[in-house]
Protein backbone atom coordinates (compact mmCIF):
# COMPACT_ATOMS: atom_id res chain seq x y z
CA MET A 1 -10.68 -55.17 -110.32
CA LYS A 2 -9.60 -56.73 -113.54
CA SER A 3 -12.13 -54.19 -115.15
CA LYS A 4 -10.47 -51.02 -113.48
CA ARG A 5 -7.39 -52.11 -115.15
CA LEU A 6 -8.69 -52.39 -118.71
CA THR A 7 -10.00 -49.25 -119.04
CA SER A 8 -6.87 -47.39 -117.26
CA SER A 9 -4.71 -49.64 -119.81
CA LEU A 10 -7.18 -48.79 -122.54
CA VAL A 11 -6.37 -44.96 -121.52
CA ALA A 12 -3.23 -45.26 -120.92
CA LEU A 13 -2.50 -46.30 -124.76
CA GLY A 14 -4.89 -43.93 -126.05
CA PHE A 15 -7.24 -45.00 -128.89
CA VAL A 16 -4.86 -45.05 -131.86
CA ALA A 17 -7.17 -46.76 -134.04
CA ALA A 18 -7.49 -44.98 -137.40
CA VAL A 19 -11.46 -44.52 -137.73
CA GLY A 20 -12.40 -46.29 -140.36
CA PHE A 21 -12.41 -47.92 -143.17
CA GLY A 22 -11.94 -51.23 -144.52
CA TYR A 23 -9.38 -52.17 -146.59
CA SER A 24 -9.93 -55.22 -150.13
CA ARG A 25 -8.48 -55.62 -153.22
CA LEU A 26 -9.99 -53.49 -155.58
CA SER A 27 -12.60 -54.71 -157.91
CA HIS A 28 -13.32 -54.36 -161.80
CA ASN A 29 -16.79 -55.00 -161.12
CA LYS A 30 -18.24 -52.51 -158.81
CA VAL A 31 -21.47 -50.86 -157.51
CA PRO A 32 -22.51 -47.70 -158.12
CA ALA A 33 -22.28 -45.21 -155.34
CA SER A 34 -25.46 -44.27 -154.98
CA SER A 35 -26.88 -48.24 -154.97
CA PRO A 36 -29.20 -48.61 -151.82
CA ALA A 37 -27.87 -52.26 -151.75
CA GLY A 38 -24.47 -52.74 -150.64
CA ALA A 39 -22.49 -56.02 -150.64
CA ILE A 40 -18.78 -54.74 -153.10
CA PRO A 41 -17.14 -57.71 -154.19
CA VAL A 42 -13.92 -58.83 -153.57
CA PRO A 43 -11.40 -56.82 -155.59
CA SER A 44 -8.18 -58.18 -157.93
CA SER A 45 -4.64 -56.74 -156.50
CA SER A 46 -3.63 -55.20 -159.61
CA ALA A 47 -6.64 -53.10 -159.96
CA THR A 48 -4.75 -51.90 -156.40
CA THR A 49 -2.08 -50.29 -157.79
CA THR A 50 -3.97 -48.47 -160.38
CA ALA A 51 -6.95 -47.36 -157.86
CA LEU A 52 -4.25 -45.67 -156.21
CA GLY A 53 -2.56 -44.32 -158.56
CA LYS A 54 -1.62 -40.53 -158.27
CA ASP A 55 -4.76 -39.51 -160.21
CA VAL A 56 -6.63 -42.59 -162.21
CA CYS A 57 -9.57 -40.42 -163.50
CA GLU A 58 -7.18 -37.68 -165.09
CA LYS A 59 -7.30 -38.68 -168.71
CA ALA A 60 -10.79 -40.40 -168.39
CA SER A 61 -14.04 -39.59 -170.86
CA ASP A 62 -16.27 -38.76 -168.01
CA ARG A 63 -14.03 -37.49 -165.00
CA CYS A 64 -17.16 -37.39 -162.28
CA ALA A 65 -17.93 -41.00 -163.08
CA CYS A 66 -14.72 -41.69 -162.24
CA ALA A 67 -13.85 -40.22 -159.38
CA ALA A 68 -17.33 -41.51 -157.98
CA ASP A 69 -16.20 -45.10 -158.78
CA HIS A 70 -12.60 -45.25 -158.17
CA GLY A 71 -13.67 -42.94 -154.90
CA ALA A 72 -15.90 -45.51 -153.78
CA GLN A 73 -13.54 -48.17 -154.13
CA LEU A 74 -10.84 -46.13 -152.26
CA LEU A 75 -13.40 -45.93 -149.46
CA HIS A 76 -13.88 -49.54 -149.63
CA ALA A 77 -10.08 -50.02 -149.50
CA SER A 78 -9.33 -47.45 -146.57
CA PHE A 79 -7.91 -45.34 -148.29
CA PRO A 80 -10.29 -42.51 -147.61
CA GLU A 81 -6.93 -39.66 -147.53
CA ARG A 82 -6.54 -41.00 -151.36
CA ALA A 83 -10.75 -41.49 -151.87
CA LEU A 84 -10.91 -37.46 -150.92
CA GLN A 85 -7.88 -36.35 -153.05
CA LEU A 86 -9.31 -38.23 -155.93
CA THR A 87 -12.60 -36.10 -155.18
CA SER A 88 -11.26 -32.71 -155.03
CA ARG A 89 -8.92 -32.74 -158.04
CA ALA A 90 -12.79 -33.30 -160.12
CA PRO A 91 -13.89 -30.46 -162.06
CA ALA A 92 -16.18 -28.49 -159.90
CA SER A 93 -19.06 -29.54 -162.69
CA CYS A 94 -19.49 -32.63 -160.30
CA THR A 95 -22.26 -32.64 -158.74
CA ALA A 96 -24.00 -36.16 -159.21
CA SER A 97 -25.07 -37.62 -156.13
CA SER A 98 -22.94 -40.82 -157.07
CA PHE A 99 -20.22 -38.61 -156.25
CA LEU A 100 -21.35 -35.99 -154.14
CA ALA A 101 -22.37 -39.15 -151.36
CA VAL A 102 -19.07 -40.70 -152.22
CA ARG A 103 -16.93 -37.40 -151.48
CA ALA A 104 -19.33 -37.08 -147.81
CA GLU A 105 -17.68 -39.83 -146.60
CA ALA A 106 -14.74 -39.64 -147.34
CA LEU A 107 -14.62 -36.75 -145.24
CA ALA A 108 -16.73 -38.05 -142.81
CA ALA A 109 -13.81 -40.40 -142.00
CA VAL A 110 -11.29 -37.40 -141.79
CA GLU A 111 -13.27 -35.73 -139.89
CA ARG A 112 -13.90 -32.96 -141.54
CA SER A 113 -17.71 -33.52 -140.28
CA ASP A 114 -19.21 -29.85 -140.91
CA GLU A 115 -18.72 -30.45 -144.53
CA ALA A 116 -19.66 -34.17 -144.92
CA ARG A 117 -23.25 -33.42 -142.98
CA LYS A 118 -23.83 -30.83 -145.26
CA ILE A 119 -23.35 -32.76 -148.58
CA ALA A 120 -24.74 -35.41 -147.42
CA THR A 121 -27.61 -34.00 -146.34
CA GLU A 122 -28.30 -32.28 -149.78
CA VAL A 123 -27.60 -36.31 -151.22
CA LEU A 124 -30.62 -37.68 -149.43
CA LYS A 125 -32.77 -35.11 -150.13
CA ASN A 126 -32.23 -36.20 -153.73
CA GLU A 127 -31.91 -40.65 -152.57
CA PRO A 128 -32.68 -40.86 -149.28
CA LEU A 129 -31.73 -44.09 -149.69
CA ASN A 130 -28.29 -44.05 -150.45
CA ARG A 131 -25.65 -45.54 -148.35
CA PHE A 132 -22.41 -43.32 -148.41
CA ALA A 133 -24.40 -40.11 -147.64
CA ARG A 134 -26.57 -41.92 -144.53
CA ARG A 135 -22.82 -43.81 -143.53
CA ALA A 136 -21.17 -40.33 -143.78
CA LEU A 137 -23.82 -38.70 -141.34
CA ALA A 138 -22.79 -42.31 -139.54
CA ILE A 139 -19.32 -41.37 -138.99
CA ALA A 140 -19.46 -37.87 -138.35
CA ALA A 141 -21.90 -38.64 -135.57
CA ILE A 142 -19.48 -41.12 -134.27
CA HIS A 143 -16.78 -38.08 -134.10
CA ALA A 144 -18.81 -36.32 -132.12
CA ARG A 145 -20.01 -39.19 -129.79
CA ASP A 146 -23.79 -38.75 -130.54
CA PHE A 147 -23.97 -42.63 -130.42
CA SER A 148 -27.54 -42.27 -130.69
CA VAL A 149 -27.30 -41.70 -134.15
CA SER A 150 -25.17 -43.13 -135.41
CA ASP A 151 -26.68 -46.36 -133.83
CA ALA A 152 -29.62 -45.86 -135.27
CA GLU A 153 -28.47 -44.77 -138.75
CA LEU A 154 -25.53 -47.89 -138.74
CA THR A 155 -28.63 -50.42 -137.53
CA LYS A 156 -30.94 -49.16 -140.54
CA LEU A 157 -28.03 -49.89 -143.03
CA LEU A 158 -27.07 -53.21 -141.53
CA THR A 159 -31.16 -53.95 -141.79
CA GLU A 160 -31.00 -53.73 -145.35
CA GLU A 161 -27.70 -55.00 -145.83
CA PRO A 162 -26.39 -57.36 -142.88
CA LYS A 163 -23.01 -58.16 -144.61
CA ASP A 164 -21.94 -54.20 -144.92
CA ALA A 165 -18.60 -54.80 -144.25
CA ASP A 166 -17.93 -51.30 -143.88
CA SER A 167 -21.14 -50.47 -141.94
CA LEU A 168 -20.20 -53.35 -139.50
CA PHE A 169 -16.91 -51.57 -138.68
CA TYR A 170 -17.81 -48.55 -137.89
CA ALA A 171 -20.43 -50.04 -135.45
CA ALA A 172 -17.66 -52.12 -133.84
CA LEU A 173 -15.50 -48.75 -133.86
CA SER A 174 -18.40 -46.55 -132.14
CA GLN A 175 -18.83 -49.63 -129.34
CA ARG A 176 -14.64 -49.35 -129.07
CA LYS A 177 -14.82 -45.11 -128.43
CA ARG A 178 -17.33 -45.93 -125.78
CA ASP A 179 -15.08 -48.43 -124.04
CA HIS A 180 -17.20 -51.70 -124.89
CA TYR A 181 -14.08 -54.30 -125.37
CA ASN A 182 -16.54 -57.46 -125.97
CA GLY A 183 -18.52 -55.93 -128.25
CA ALA A 184 -16.03 -54.18 -129.95
CA ARG A 185 -14.04 -57.31 -130.16
CA GLU A 186 -16.64 -59.59 -131.53
CA GLY A 187 -17.39 -56.87 -134.11
CA PHE A 188 -14.13 -56.56 -135.36
CA LEU A 189 -14.12 -60.20 -135.94
CA HIS A 190 -17.64 -60.56 -137.75
CA VAL A 191 -15.79 -57.69 -139.82
CA LEU A 192 -12.82 -60.52 -140.41
CA ARG A 193 -15.32 -63.15 -140.98
CA LEU A 194 -16.72 -61.25 -144.17
CA ASN A 195 -13.73 -59.90 -145.43
CA ALA A 196 -10.33 -61.39 -144.34
CA GLN A 197 -8.83 -58.08 -145.68
CA HIS A 198 -10.08 -55.55 -143.68
CA ILE A 199 -6.98 -53.88 -142.00
CA ASP A 200 -8.71 -51.43 -139.96
CA ALA A 201 -10.86 -54.34 -138.36
CA ARG A 202 -7.19 -55.86 -138.21
CA TYR A 203 -5.16 -53.25 -136.49
CA ASN A 204 -8.43 -52.66 -134.10
CA LEU A 205 -7.98 -55.97 -133.20
CA VAL A 206 -4.13 -55.58 -132.54
CA THR A 207 -4.51 -52.27 -130.74
CA LEU A 208 -7.44 -53.39 -128.09
CA THR A 209 -6.10 -56.62 -127.22
CA ALA A 210 -2.50 -54.89 -127.01
CA ALA A 211 -4.31 -52.87 -124.21
CA ALA A 212 -5.70 -55.70 -122.84
CA GLY A 213 -3.21 -57.90 -121.55
CA ALA A 214 -3.83 -60.24 -124.30
CA ALA A 215 -0.44 -60.69 -125.79
CA GLN A 216 -0.23 -63.58 -128.29
CA GLU A 217 -3.72 -62.47 -129.47
CA ALA A 218 -2.65 -58.70 -130.40
CA GLU A 219 1.23 -60.52 -131.38
CA HIS A 220 -1.05 -62.61 -133.81
CA ASP A 221 -2.73 -59.81 -135.12
CA TYR A 222 0.04 -57.94 -136.05
CA GLN A 223 1.37 -60.52 -137.92
CA GLU A 224 -2.17 -60.88 -139.78
CA LEU A 225 -2.23 -57.29 -140.21
CA LEU A 226 1.45 -57.75 -141.96
CA GLN A 227 0.26 -59.80 -144.91
CA ILE A 228 -2.58 -57.04 -145.53
CA ALA A 229 -1.00 -53.76 -144.55
CA PRO A 230 0.69 -52.18 -147.76
CA VAL A 231 4.77 -51.58 -147.11
CA GLY A 232 4.79 -48.80 -144.60
CA ASP A 233 1.17 -47.75 -143.91
CA ALA A 234 0.96 -46.30 -141.15
CA ARG A 235 -1.18 -48.65 -139.24
CA LEU A 236 2.13 -51.09 -138.81
CA VAL A 237 3.78 -48.54 -137.08
CA ALA A 238 1.66 -47.78 -135.25
CA ALA A 239 0.27 -51.03 -134.64
CA ARG A 240 4.38 -51.69 -133.82
CA ALA A 241 3.91 -48.92 -131.07
CA VAL A 242 1.30 -49.99 -129.65
CA LEU A 243 2.46 -53.99 -129.30
CA SER A 244 6.09 -52.55 -127.56
CA HIS A 245 4.22 -50.32 -125.59
CA ALA A 246 2.07 -53.02 -124.05
CA ALA A 247 5.30 -54.81 -123.55
CA GLY A 248 7.09 -51.99 -121.69
CA ALA A 249 9.48 -51.40 -124.42
CA GLY A 250 7.79 -48.77 -126.29
CA PRO A 251 8.47 -44.86 -125.97
CA THR A 252 5.83 -43.33 -123.61
CA GLU A 253 3.92 -41.75 -126.20
CA LEU A 254 2.83 -43.77 -128.89
CA PRO A 255 2.62 -42.24 -132.50
CA VAL A 256 -0.94 -40.89 -133.72
CA VAL A 257 -2.40 -42.02 -137.35
CA HIS A 258 -2.97 -38.91 -139.17
CA ARG A 259 -6.51 -39.01 -140.71
CA THR A 260 -6.19 -36.30 -143.22
CA SER A 261 -3.02 -36.91 -143.86
CA PRO A 262 -2.44 -37.86 -147.82
CA ALA A 263 0.06 -39.97 -147.69
CA GLY A 264 -1.21 -41.57 -143.99
CA SER A 265 1.94 -40.41 -142.26
CA VAL A 266 2.61 -40.86 -138.84
CA SER A 267 3.23 -38.16 -136.29
CA PRO A 268 6.83 -38.88 -134.42
CA ALA A 269 6.65 -39.41 -129.93
CA ARG A 270 7.61 -36.29 -129.22
């Protein structure tokens, strides 16, 4: 009976979690986008402002390399929309695998799966170990609910690099999409043990535990989310709405984070 109540609660609240994307402060110690290894160092907050600028590569001597580098940082920092914007502004001559792989993951993250698969597949012909391209295929598979494919790819990525917080996050998210509460919760907690700044892992814990009726835990995670999410971030709005709804004080229809919106806007309840 408890399990049935939990499932119905999850369905009622809806899956408002933004797919995707861990937040860490951005670093000057960068890992190439084509690197098959993959642990990204914790970045400095001063670099965050720079990387979130309108176009940090506009005056770069090598705009392609700049877009690949900063796009990778934006992906690791939970801003795939902005990573996609940055790569979209790059010259058409940017065809290096490092650049294309970053663009593929950004496309997958905002659910433009067909484009992501096409680019990632081409990258992997030349660089079969490219982590961004492989993760792009896994993300696209999650969106398609093809969990056998996503599980297989994420397992390989995590076998190679157990501390890959991005791949760990998607593994946990796929558990949530299947309504595997314990697996999802433990997965998000694992991500946060590796990176306490991971916005999407914390956000998912808020919405997951609130849906399960664990109000005190959800409120704790929301307070933690307030400490790491940028002011005005759509996930703060959505998380607060979930908490209010779970407490019986919110609207009947929750706002949904639009991953395709450059500003991360939230749609109002209708």
